[in-house]
Amino acid sequence: MSTGLSLLERAVGYALGGLRAVTPEALSRPTPCRGWSLRTLLAHMNDSLQALCEAADLGRVDLAPTADLAGDPVTALRERASRLLGAWTAAPARDDIAIAGLSLAAPLVAVAGALEITVHGWDVARACGADHPIPVSLAADLLPLASILVAEEDRPGRFAPPLPPPPDATAADRLLAFLGRAPS
């Protein structure tokens, strides 16, 4: 479980750093997530963090979206991220978490959360025109896990088809390309 928690902490730290580039004017900008504005992406991230909080607190995840698109989505996301880290740190030891009728290993849920938070943190920075690369060590740790977590059935619904990474690709570039994002 400590690996999943460590990845979650690193992912949240990275994503929060990218939120500094968000301005009210940027909320209507498109993101690398096809058809999503930055405001929609921030709401999705807030929902994801809420689901991860439920996983830690309750041992299950209800899949109903809860994010409110009104108000300040950056402040809401920062508060939810803080709550998330506290919830996983204090979570009782459990083997599995119930999600949509499935039982998933708790460390796997934490790792999946870390992957989503990291990549959407990059999406936020890109939408704002900020240069906020994924730390190479974080990407290197997530890359082999991404190929386990993202199946072909997840494309094109949850992820775009993979792209070829650039010839001099870093682990971050390879991770982004695998998830259908152009790293440059």
N, C-alpha and C. Protein backbone atom coordinates (compact mmCIF):
# COMPACT_ATOMS: atom_id res chain seq x y z
N MET A 1 0.82 -1.20 0.00
CA MET A 1 0.00 0.00 0.00
C MET A 1 0.86 1.25 0.00
N SER A 2 2.05 1.16 0.58
CA SER A 2 2.90 2.35 0.68
C SER A 2 3.30 2.87 -0.69
N THR A 3 3.48 1.99 -1.68
CA THR A 3 3.82 2.44 -3.03
C THR A 3 2.67 3.25 -3.63
N GLY A 4 1.45 2.76 -3.47
CA GLY A 4 0.29 3.49 -3.98
C GLY A 4 0.15 4.85 -3.33
N LEU A 5 0.33 4.90 -2.02
CA LEU A 5 0.23 6.18 -1.30
C LEU A 5 1.34 7.13 -1.72
N SER A 6 2.54 6.61 -1.88
CA SER A 6 3.66 7.45 -2.33
C SER A 6 3.39 8.03 -3.71
N LEU A 7 2.89 7.20 -4.61
CA LEU A 7 2.56 7.70 -5.95
C LEU A 7 1.44 8.74 -5.90
N LEU A 8 0.44 8.49 -5.06
CA LEU A 8 -0.64 9.48 -4.91
C LEU A 8 -0.09 10.81 -4.41
N GLU A 9 0.77 10.78 -3.41
CA GLU A 9 1.35 12.01 -2.87
C GLU A 9 2.13 12.76 -3.94
N ARG A 10 2.94 12.04 -4.70
CA ARG A 10 3.74 12.68 -5.74
C ARG A 10 2.86 13.24 -6.86
N ALA A 11 1.83 12.48 -7.22
CA ALA A 11 0.91 12.93 -8.28
C ALA A 11 0.16 14.18 -7.86
N VAL A 12 -0.33 14.18 -6.64
CA VAL A 12 -1.07 15.35 -6.14
C VAL A 12 -0.15 16.57 -6.09
N GLY A 13 1.07 16.38 -5.59
CA GLY A 13 2.01 17.49 -5.54
C GLY A 13 2.28 18.07 -6.93
N TYR A 14 2.46 17.18 -7.90
CA TYR A 14 2.69 17.64 -9.28
C TYR A 14 1.47 18.39 -9.80
N ALA A 15 0.28 17.82 -9.66
CA ALA A 15 -0.94 18.44 -10.19
C ALA A 15 -1.22 19.78 -9.53
N LEU A 16 -1.00 19.87 -8.23
CA LEU A 16 -1.25 21.14 -7.54
C LEU A 16 -0.32 22.23 -8.06
N GLY A 17 0.90 21.87 -8.40
CA GLY A 17 1.84 22.85 -8.96
C GLY A 17 1.33 23.44 -10.26
N GLY A 18 0.65 22.63 -11.07
CA GLY A 18 0.11 23.11 -12.34
C GLY A 18 -1.09 24.01 -12.19
N LEU A 19 -1.77 23.91 -11.05
CA LEU A 19 -2.96 24.75 -10.84
C LEU A 19 -2.60 26.22 -10.71
N ARG A 20 -1.34 26.52 -10.42
CA ARG A 20 -0.93 27.93 -10.30
C ARG A 20 -1.12 28.70 -11.61
N ALA A 21 -1.13 27.98 -12.73
CA ALA A 21 -1.26 28.64 -14.03
C ALA A 21 -2.71 28.93 -14.40
N VAL A 22 -3.66 28.39 -13.65
CA VAL A 22 -5.08 28.57 -13.99
C VAL A 22 -5.54 29.97 -13.61
N THR A 23 -6.14 30.63 -14.57
CA THR A 23 -6.75 31.95 -14.35
C THR A 23 -8.23 31.84 -14.71
N PRO A 24 -9.05 32.76 -14.23
CA PRO A 24 -10.47 32.72 -14.61
C PRO A 24 -10.67 32.74 -16.13
N GLU A 25 -9.81 33.48 -16.82
CA GLU A 25 -9.93 33.57 -18.29
C GLU A 25 -9.62 32.24 -18.97
N ALA A 26 -8.79 31.41 -18.34
CA ALA A 26 -8.38 30.14 -18.94
C ALA A 26 -9.44 29.05 -18.83
N LEU A 27 -10.44 29.25 -17.99
CA LEU A 27 -11.40 28.17 -17.72
C LEU A 27 -12.18 27.73 -18.95
N SER A 28 -12.30 28.57 -19.94
CA SER A 28 -13.04 28.18 -21.15
C SER A 28 -12.13 27.59 -22.23
N ARG A 29 -10.84 27.55 -21.99
CA ARG A 29 -9.90 27.02 -22.99
C ARG A 29 -10.08 25.51 -23.17
N PRO A 30 -9.78 25.02 -24.38
CA PRO A 30 -9.81 23.57 -24.61
C PRO A 30 -8.62 22.90 -23.92
N THR A 31 -8.77 21.62 -23.65
CA THR A 31 -7.71 20.84 -23.03
C THR A 31 -7.30 19.71 -23.98
N PRO A 32 -6.26 18.96 -23.65
CA PRO A 32 -5.93 17.78 -24.45
C PRO A 32 -7.01 16.70 -24.40
N CYS A 33 -7.93 16.80 -23.46
CA CYS A 33 -9.06 15.87 -23.37
C CYS A 33 -10.12 16.35 -24.37
N ARG A 34 -10.26 15.64 -25.45
CA ARG A 34 -11.12 16.07 -26.54
C ARG A 34 -12.52 16.47 -26.08
N GLY A 35 -12.91 17.69 -26.45
CA GLY A 35 -14.24 18.19 -26.16
C GLY A 35 -14.41 18.78 -24.76
N TRP A 36 -13.33 18.83 -23.98
CA TRP A 36 -13.44 19.34 -22.62
C TRP A 36 -12.79 20.69 -22.50
N SER A 37 -13.48 21.59 -21.82
CA SER A 37 -12.87 22.86 -21.45
C SER A 37 -12.06 22.64 -20.16
N LEU A 38 -11.27 23.61 -19.82
CA LEU A 38 -10.50 23.51 -18.58
C LEU A 38 -11.43 23.41 -17.38
N ARG A 39 -12.52 24.16 -17.38
CA ARG A 39 -13.49 24.08 -16.27
C ARG A 39 -14.05 22.66 -16.16
N THR A 40 -14.39 22.04 -17.28
CA THR A 40 -14.92 20.67 -17.26
C THR A 40 -13.87 19.70 -16.75
N LEU A 41 -12.63 19.87 -17.17
CA LEU A 41 -11.55 19.01 -16.71
C LEU A 41 -11.36 19.15 -15.19
N LEU A 42 -11.38 20.37 -14.69
CA LEU A 42 -11.22 20.58 -13.25
C LEU A 42 -12.38 19.93 -12.47
N ALA A 43 -13.58 19.99 -13.01
CA ALA A 43 -14.72 19.34 -12.37
C ALA A 43 -14.53 17.82 -12.37
N HIS A 44 -14.06 17.29 -13.48
CA HIS A 44 -13.78 15.85 -13.56
C HIS A 44 -12.72 15.45 -12.54
N MET A 45 -11.67 16.25 -12.44
CA MET A 45 -10.61 15.95 -11.47
C MET A 45 -11.17 15.98 -10.05
N ASN A 46 -12.04 16.94 -9.78
CA ASN A 46 -12.65 17.03 -8.45
C ASN A 46 -13.48 15.78 -8.17
N ASP A 47 -14.24 15.32 -9.16
CA ASP A 47 -15.01 14.08 -9.00
C ASP A 47 -14.09 12.89 -8.75
N SER A 48 -13.00 12.83 -9.49
CA SER A 48 -12.05 11.73 -9.32
C SER A 48 -11.45 11.73 -7.92
N LEU A 49 -11.07 12.90 -7.44
CA LEU A 49 -10.51 12.99 -6.10
C LEU A 49 -11.56 12.61 -5.05
N GLN A 50 -12.81 13.01 -5.29
CA GLN A 50 -13.89 12.61 -4.37
C GLN A 50 -14.03 11.09 -4.35
N ALA A 51 -13.98 10.47 -5.51
CA ALA A 51 -14.09 9.01 -5.59
C ALA A 51 -12.93 8.35 -4.83
N LEU A 52 -11.75 8.89 -4.97
CA LEU A 52 -10.60 8.34 -4.25
C LEU A 52 -10.73 8.55 -2.74
N CYS A 53 -11.33 9.65 -2.33
CA CYS A 53 -11.61 9.86 -0.90
C CYS A 53 -12.59 8.82 -0.39
N GLU A 54 -13.65 8.55 -1.17
CA GLU A 54 -14.62 7.53 -0.79
C GLU A 54 -13.95 6.17 -0.68
N ALA A 55 -13.07 5.88 -1.61
CA ALA A 55 -12.36 4.59 -1.59
C ALA A 55 -11.59 4.42 -0.28
N ALA A 56 -10.90 5.48 0.12
CA ALA A 56 -10.12 5.41 1.36
C ALA A 56 -11.02 5.39 2.59
N ASP A 57 -12.03 6.25 2.62
CA ASP A 57 -12.88 6.38 3.80
C ASP A 57 -13.86 5.22 3.98
N LEU A 58 -14.46 4.79 2.87
CA LEU A 58 -15.58 3.85 2.94
C LEU A 58 -15.26 2.46 2.42
N GLY A 59 -14.17 2.33 1.65
CA GLY A 59 -13.86 1.04 1.05
C GLY A 59 -14.72 0.74 -0.17
N ARG A 60 -15.37 1.78 -0.67
CA ARG A 60 -16.18 1.63 -1.89
C ARG A 60 -16.25 2.98 -2.59
N VAL A 61 -16.64 2.95 -3.85
CA VAL A 61 -16.78 4.18 -4.63
C VAL A 61 -18.16 4.20 -5.27
N ASP A 62 -18.89 5.27 -5.02
CA ASP A 62 -20.15 5.52 -5.70
C ASP A 62 -19.81 6.31 -6.96
N LEU A 63 -20.32 5.88 -8.09
CA LEU A 63 -19.90 6.48 -9.36
C LEU A 63 -20.73 7.66 -9.82
N ALA A 64 -21.46 8.29 -8.93
CA ALA A 64 -22.25 9.46 -9.31
C ALA A 64 -21.38 10.71 -9.23
N PRO A 65 -21.31 11.50 -10.33
CA PRO A 65 -20.53 12.74 -10.29
C PRO A 65 -21.10 13.69 -9.23
N THR A 66 -20.19 14.41 -8.58
CA THR A 66 -20.62 15.32 -7.51
C THR A 66 -20.12 16.74 -7.69
N ALA A 67 -19.24 16.98 -8.64
CA ALA A 67 -18.61 18.30 -8.75
C ALA A 67 -19.61 19.35 -9.21
N ASP A 68 -19.46 20.52 -8.64
CA ASP A 68 -20.26 21.67 -9.00
C ASP A 68 -19.41 22.53 -9.93
N LEU A 69 -19.92 22.82 -11.11
CA LEU A 69 -19.14 23.59 -12.08
C LEU A 69 -19.13 25.08 -11.77
N ALA A 70 -19.92 25.52 -10.81
CA ALA A 70 -19.93 26.93 -10.43
C ALA A 70 -18.86 27.16 -9.36
N GLY A 71 -18.58 28.41 -9.07
CA GLY A 71 -17.61 28.72 -8.02
C GLY A 71 -16.18 28.63 -8.52
N ASP A 72 -15.26 28.55 -7.59
CA ASP A 72 -13.84 28.51 -7.92
C ASP A 72 -13.35 27.06 -7.95
N PRO A 73 -13.20 26.49 -9.15
CA PRO A 73 -12.82 25.07 -9.23
C PRO A 73 -11.40 24.81 -8.74
N VAL A 74 -10.52 25.79 -8.82
CA VAL A 74 -9.14 25.59 -8.37
C VAL A 74 -9.10 25.45 -6.85
N THR A 75 -9.79 26.33 -6.15
CA THR A 75 -9.84 26.23 -4.69
C THR A 75 -10.48 24.92 -4.27
N ALA A 76 -11.57 24.55 -4.93
CA ALA A 76 -12.24 23.28 -4.60
C ALA A 76 -11.30 22.10 -4.82
N LEU A 77 -10.54 22.13 -5.90
CA LEU A 77 -9.62 21.03 -6.20
C LEU A 77 -8.48 20.97 -5.18
N ARG A 78 -7.96 22.12 -4.81
CA ARG A 78 -6.89 22.14 -3.80
C ARG A 78 -7.39 21.56 -2.47
N GLU A 79 -8.58 21.96 -2.07
CA GLU A 79 -9.14 21.45 -0.82
C GLU A 79 -9.39 19.95 -0.90
N ARG A 80 -9.90 19.49 -2.02
CA ARG A 80 -10.18 18.06 -2.20
C ARG A 80 -8.86 17.27 -2.20
N ALA A 81 -7.82 17.82 -2.81
CA ALA A 81 -6.53 17.13 -2.85
C ALA A 81 -5.96 16.96 -1.44
N SER A 82 -6.10 17.99 -0.63
CA SER A 82 -5.63 17.90 0.75
C SER A 82 -6.42 16.84 1.51
N ARG A 83 -7.72 16.84 1.31
CA ARG A 83 -8.58 15.84 1.95
C ARG A 83 -8.20 14.43 1.49
N LEU A 84 -7.90 14.29 0.20
CA LEU A 84 -7.53 12.98 -0.35
C LEU A 84 -6.30 12.42 0.34
N LEU A 85 -5.27 13.22 0.45
CA LEU A 85 -4.04 12.72 1.06
C LEU A 85 -4.27 12.36 2.53
N GLY A 86 -5.05 13.15 3.22
CA GLY A 86 -5.37 12.82 4.61
C GLY A 86 -6.17 11.53 4.71
N ALA A 87 -7.11 11.34 3.79
CA ALA A 87 -7.95 10.14 3.83
C ALA A 87 -7.13 8.88 3.59
N TRP A 88 -6.23 8.91 2.60
CA TRP A 88 -5.43 7.71 2.32
C TRP A 88 -4.39 7.46 3.40
N THR A 89 -3.88 8.52 4.00
CA THR A 89 -2.91 8.34 5.07
C THR A 89 -3.56 7.71 6.30
N ALA A 90 -4.79 8.10 6.59
CA ALA A 90 -5.49 7.62 7.78
C ALA A 90 -6.39 6.41 7.51
N ALA A 91 -6.44 5.95 6.28
CA ALA A 91 -7.36 4.87 5.91
C ALA A 91 -7.05 3.59 6.68
N PRO A 92 -8.11 2.91 7.12
CA PRO A 92 -7.88 1.62 7.76
C PRO A 92 -7.32 0.62 6.73
N ALA A 93 -6.54 -0.31 7.22
CA ALA A 93 -5.99 -1.33 6.32
C ALA A 93 -7.14 -2.13 5.71
N ARG A 94 -7.15 -2.21 4.39
CA ARG A 94 -8.15 -3.04 3.72
C ARG A 94 -7.50 -3.59 2.46
N ASP A 95 -7.95 -4.76 2.10
CA ASP A 95 -7.39 -5.42 0.92
C ASP A 95 -8.02 -4.92 -0.36
N ASP A 96 -9.34 -4.76 -0.33
CA ASP A 96 -10.08 -4.46 -1.55
C ASP A 96 -10.99 -3.25 -1.38
N ILE A 97 -11.32 -2.67 -2.55
CA ILE A 97 -12.25 -1.55 -2.61
C ILE A 97 -13.29 -1.90 -3.67
N ALA A 98 -14.57 -1.71 -3.34
CA ALA A 98 -15.67 -2.03 -4.25
C ALA A 98 -15.92 -0.83 -5.17
N ILE A 99 -15.87 -1.10 -6.47
CA ILE A 99 -16.13 -0.07 -7.48
C ILE A 99 -16.98 -0.70 -8.58
N ALA A 100 -18.17 -0.16 -8.77
CA ALA A 100 -19.07 -0.61 -9.84
C ALA A 100 -19.25 -2.13 -9.86
N GLY A 101 -19.47 -2.71 -8.69
CA GLY A 101 -19.71 -4.14 -8.61
C GLY A 101 -18.47 -5.00 -8.68
N LEU A 102 -17.30 -4.39 -8.78
CA LEU A 102 -16.04 -5.13 -8.81
C LEU A 102 -15.29 -4.91 -7.51
N SER A 103 -14.44 -5.84 -7.19
CA SER A 103 -13.58 -5.69 -6.02
C SER A 103 -12.15 -5.54 -6.53
N LEU A 104 -11.57 -4.36 -6.27
CA LEU A 104 -10.21 -4.08 -6.74
C LEU A 104 -9.27 -3.94 -5.55
N ALA A 105 -8.05 -4.38 -5.72
CA ALA A 105 -7.05 -4.26 -4.67
C ALA A 105 -6.83 -2.78 -4.35
N ALA A 106 -6.81 -2.47 -3.06
CA ALA A 106 -6.66 -1.07 -2.64
C ALA A 106 -5.42 -0.41 -3.23
N PRO A 107 -4.25 -1.07 -3.24
CA PRO A 107 -3.08 -0.41 -3.84
C PRO A 107 -3.27 -0.11 -5.33
N LEU A 108 -4.01 -0.97 -6.03
CA LEU A 108 -4.27 -0.73 -7.44
C LEU A 108 -5.14 0.51 -7.64
N VAL A 109 -6.10 0.72 -6.77
CA VAL A 109 -6.95 1.91 -6.83
C VAL A 109 -6.10 3.16 -6.61
N ALA A 110 -5.20 3.10 -5.64
CA ALA A 110 -4.33 4.25 -5.38
C ALA A 110 -3.43 4.55 -6.58
N VAL A 111 -2.89 3.53 -7.19
CA VAL A 111 -2.02 3.71 -8.36
C VAL A 111 -2.82 4.27 -9.54
N ALA A 112 -4.03 3.75 -9.75
CA ALA A 112 -4.87 4.28 -10.83
C ALA A 112 -5.18 5.75 -10.59
N GLY A 113 -5.44 6.11 -9.35
CA GLY A 113 -5.67 7.51 -9.01
C GLY A 113 -4.45 8.36 -9.29
N ALA A 114 -3.29 7.86 -8.94
CA ALA A 114 -2.05 8.60 -9.19
C ALA A 114 -1.84 8.83 -10.68
N LEU A 115 -2.12 7.82 -11.48
CA LEU A 115 -1.97 7.96 -12.93
C LEU A 115 -2.93 9.04 -13.45
N GLU A 116 -4.17 8.98 -13.06
CA GLU A 116 -5.15 9.95 -13.54
C GLU A 116 -4.80 11.38 -13.08
N ILE A 117 -4.44 11.52 -11.83
CA ILE A 117 -4.11 12.84 -11.30
C ILE A 117 -2.91 13.43 -12.02
N THR A 118 -1.90 12.61 -12.26
CA THR A 118 -0.69 13.08 -12.94
C THR A 118 -1.00 13.55 -14.35
N VAL A 119 -1.67 12.71 -15.10
CA VAL A 119 -1.92 13.04 -16.51
C VAL A 119 -2.87 14.22 -16.64
N HIS A 120 -3.87 14.29 -15.79
CA HIS A 120 -4.76 15.45 -15.85
C HIS A 120 -4.07 16.71 -15.33
N GLY A 121 -3.12 16.57 -14.43
CA GLY A 121 -2.31 17.72 -14.02
C GLY A 121 -1.55 18.29 -15.21
N TRP A 122 -1.03 17.39 -16.05
CA TRP A 122 -0.34 17.82 -17.28
C TRP A 122 -1.33 18.48 -18.23
N ASP A 123 -2.53 17.89 -18.34
CA ASP A 123 -3.57 18.47 -19.21
C ASP A 123 -3.90 19.91 -18.79
N VAL A 124 -4.01 20.13 -17.49
CA VAL A 124 -4.31 21.47 -16.97
C VAL A 124 -3.22 22.45 -17.40
N ALA A 125 -1.98 22.07 -17.19
CA ALA A 125 -0.87 22.96 -17.55
C ALA A 125 -0.88 23.26 -19.05
N ARG A 126 -1.12 22.24 -19.86
CA ARG A 126 -1.16 22.44 -21.31
C ARG A 126 -2.27 23.40 -21.71
N ALA A 127 -3.43 23.25 -21.09
CA ALA A 127 -4.55 24.14 -21.42
C ALA A 127 -4.22 25.59 -21.06
N CYS A 128 -3.37 25.77 -20.07
CA CYS A 128 -2.99 27.12 -19.64
C CYS A 128 -1.75 27.64 -20.37
N GLY A 129 -1.18 26.82 -21.24
CA GLY A 129 0.03 27.22 -21.95
C GLY A 129 1.27 27.21 -21.08
N ALA A 130 1.22 26.49 -19.97
CA ALA A 130 2.35 26.46 -19.03
C ALA A 130 3.26 25.28 -19.34
N ASP A 131 4.54 25.50 -19.12
CA ASP A 131 5.52 24.43 -19.25
C ASP A 131 5.67 23.80 -17.86
N HIS A 132 5.02 22.66 -17.68
CA HIS A 132 5.01 21.98 -16.38
C HIS A 132 5.17 20.48 -16.65
N PRO A 133 6.39 20.06 -17.02
CA PRO A 133 6.59 18.65 -17.37
C PRO A 133 6.39 17.71 -16.19
N ILE A 134 5.92 16.54 -16.49
CA ILE A 134 5.79 15.51 -15.45
C ILE A 134 7.21 15.14 -15.01
N PRO A 135 7.45 15.10 -13.71
CA PRO A 135 8.78 14.69 -13.25
C PRO A 135 9.15 13.31 -13.81
N VAL A 136 10.36 13.20 -14.29
CA VAL A 136 10.80 11.97 -14.95
C VAL A 136 10.67 10.77 -14.02
N SER A 137 11.01 10.92 -12.75
CA SER A 137 10.93 9.78 -11.83
C SER A 137 9.47 9.35 -11.61
N LEU A 138 8.56 10.29 -11.52
CA LEU A 138 7.14 9.96 -11.38
C LEU A 138 6.65 9.24 -12.63
N ALA A 139 6.98 9.77 -13.78
CA ALA A 139 6.57 9.14 -15.04
C ALA A 139 7.17 7.74 -15.17
N ALA A 140 8.43 7.58 -14.79
CA ALA A 140 9.09 6.27 -14.89
C ALA A 140 8.40 5.25 -13.99
N ASP A 141 7.93 5.68 -12.84
CA ASP A 141 7.22 4.77 -11.94
C ASP A 141 5.82 4.45 -12.45
N LEU A 142 5.17 5.40 -13.11
CA LEU A 142 3.81 5.19 -13.60
C LEU A 142 3.75 4.45 -14.94
N LEU A 143 4.77 4.61 -15.76
CA LEU A 143 4.72 4.06 -17.13
C LEU A 143 4.44 2.55 -17.16
N PRO A 144 5.17 1.72 -16.43
CA PRO A 144 4.85 0.29 -16.52
C PRO A 144 3.48 -0.05 -15.95
N LEU A 145 3.00 0.75 -15.02
CA LEU A 145 1.69 0.51 -14.43
C LEU A 145 0.58 0.93 -15.39
N ALA A 146 0.84 1.95 -16.20
CA ALA A 146 -0.17 2.42 -17.16
C ALA A 146 -0.54 1.32 -18.14
N SER A 147 0.43 0.54 -18.57
CA SER A 147 0.12 -0.52 -19.53
C SER A 147 -0.72 -1.63 -18.91
N ILE A 148 -0.70 -1.72 -17.58
CA ILE A 148 -1.56 -2.68 -16.88
C ILE A 148 -2.96 -2.09 -16.68
N LEU A 149 -3.02 -0.80 -16.39
CA LEU A 149 -4.28 -0.15 -16.05
C LEU A 149 -5.12 0.27 -17.25
N VAL A 150 -4.49 0.56 -18.37
CA VAL A 150 -5.21 1.04 -19.55
C VAL A 150 -5.21 -0.05 -20.61
N ALA A 151 -6.39 -0.61 -20.84
CA ALA A 151 -6.54 -1.67 -21.82
C ALA A 151 -7.09 -1.10 -23.14
N GLU A 152 -7.02 -1.90 -24.17
CA GLU A 152 -7.53 -1.46 -25.47
C GLU A 152 -9.02 -1.13 -25.40
N GLU A 153 -9.75 -1.78 -24.49
CA GLU A 153 -11.17 -1.50 -24.34
C GLU A 153 -11.41 -0.08 -23.83
N ASP A 154 -10.39 0.52 -23.24
CA ASP A 154 -10.51 1.89 -22.72
C ASP A 154 -10.34 2.94 -23.82
N ARG A 155 -10.03 2.49 -25.02
CA ARG A 155 -9.81 3.41 -26.13
C ARG A 155 -10.91 3.19 -27.17
N PRO A 156 -11.48 4.17 -27.73
CA PRO A 156 -11.21 5.58 -27.59
C PRO A 156 -12.08 6.26 -26.55
N GLY A 157 -12.80 5.52 -25.73
CA GLY A 157 -13.70 6.13 -24.75
C GLY A 157 -12.98 6.92 -23.66
N ARG A 158 -12.16 6.25 -22.88
CA ARG A 158 -11.48 6.92 -21.76
C ARG A 158 -10.15 7.54 -22.17
N PHE A 159 -9.50 6.95 -23.14
CA PHE A 159 -8.20 7.44 -23.60
C PHE A 159 -8.17 7.41 -25.11
N ALA A 160 -7.43 8.34 -25.68
CA ALA A 160 -7.23 8.34 -27.13
C ALA A 160 -6.27 7.19 -27.48
N PRO A 161 -6.23 6.82 -28.75
CA PRO A 161 -5.27 5.79 -29.14
C PRO A 161 -3.85 6.25 -28.83
N PRO A 162 -2.97 5.30 -28.56
CA PRO A 162 -1.59 5.69 -28.26
C PRO A 162 -0.94 6.35 -29.47
N LEU A 163 -0.02 7.24 -29.20
CA LEU A 163 0.74 7.92 -30.25
C LEU A 163 2.18 7.42 -30.21
N PRO A 164 2.87 7.50 -31.33
CA PRO A 164 4.28 7.12 -31.27
C PRO A 164 5.07 8.18 -30.49
N PRO A 165 5.88 7.75 -29.54
CA PRO A 165 6.68 8.73 -28.79
C PRO A 165 7.79 9.29 -29.66
N PRO A 166 8.27 10.49 -29.36
CA PRO A 166 9.39 11.04 -30.12
C PRO A 166 10.63 10.16 -29.95
N PRO A 167 11.56 10.23 -30.90
CA PRO A 167 12.75 9.36 -30.85
C PRO A 167 13.58 9.55 -29.56
N ASP A 168 13.64 10.73 -29.04
CA ASP A 168 14.42 11.00 -27.83
C ASP A 168 13.52 11.08 -26.60
N ALA A 169 12.46 10.28 -26.59
CA ALA A 169 11.42 10.38 -25.57
C ALA A 169 11.92 10.08 -24.17
N THR A 170 11.49 10.91 -23.24
CA THR A 170 11.70 10.64 -21.82
C THR A 170 10.59 9.71 -21.34
N ALA A 171 10.68 9.27 -20.12
CA ALA A 171 9.60 8.45 -19.56
C ALA A 171 8.29 9.23 -19.56
N ALA A 172 8.35 10.52 -19.29
CA ALA A 172 7.14 11.35 -19.31
C ALA A 172 6.56 11.41 -20.72
N ASP A 173 7.40 11.58 -21.72
CA ASP A 173 6.93 11.60 -23.11
C ASP A 173 6.27 10.27 -23.48
N ARG A 174 6.89 9.16 -23.08
CA ARG A 174 6.35 7.84 -23.39
C ARG A 174 5.01 7.62 -22.67
N LEU A 175 4.91 8.08 -21.44
CA LEU A 175 3.66 7.95 -20.69
C LEU A 175 2.55 8.73 -21.39
N LEU A 176 2.83 9.97 -21.71
CA LEU A 176 1.83 10.81 -22.38
C LEU A 176 1.42 10.23 -23.73
N ALA A 177 2.39 9.77 -24.52
CA ALA A 177 2.09 9.19 -25.83
C ALA A 177 1.25 7.92 -25.67
N PHE A 178 1.57 7.10 -24.69
CA PHE A 178 0.80 5.89 -24.45
C PHE A 178 -0.66 6.22 -24.15
N LEU A 179 -0.88 7.35 -23.48
CA LEU A 179 -2.23 7.76 -23.12
C LEU A 179 -2.87 8.67 -24.17
N GLY A 180 -2.26 8.74 -25.35
CA GLY A 180 -2.88 9.45 -26.48
C GLY A 180 -2.66 10.94 -26.50
N ARG A 181 -1.62 11.38 -25.82
CA ARG A 181 -1.31 12.82 -25.76
C ARG A 181 0.00 13.10 -26.48
N ALA A 182 0.03 14.20 -27.21
CA ALA A 182 1.26 14.60 -27.90
C ALA A 182 2.15 15.31 -26.89
N PRO A 183 3.29 14.73 -26.53
CA PRO A 183 4.12 15.32 -25.47
C PRO A 183 4.70 16.68 -25.80
N SER A 184 4.89 16.98 -27.06
CA SER A 184 5.50 18.28 -27.39
C SER A 184 4.46 19.30 -27.77
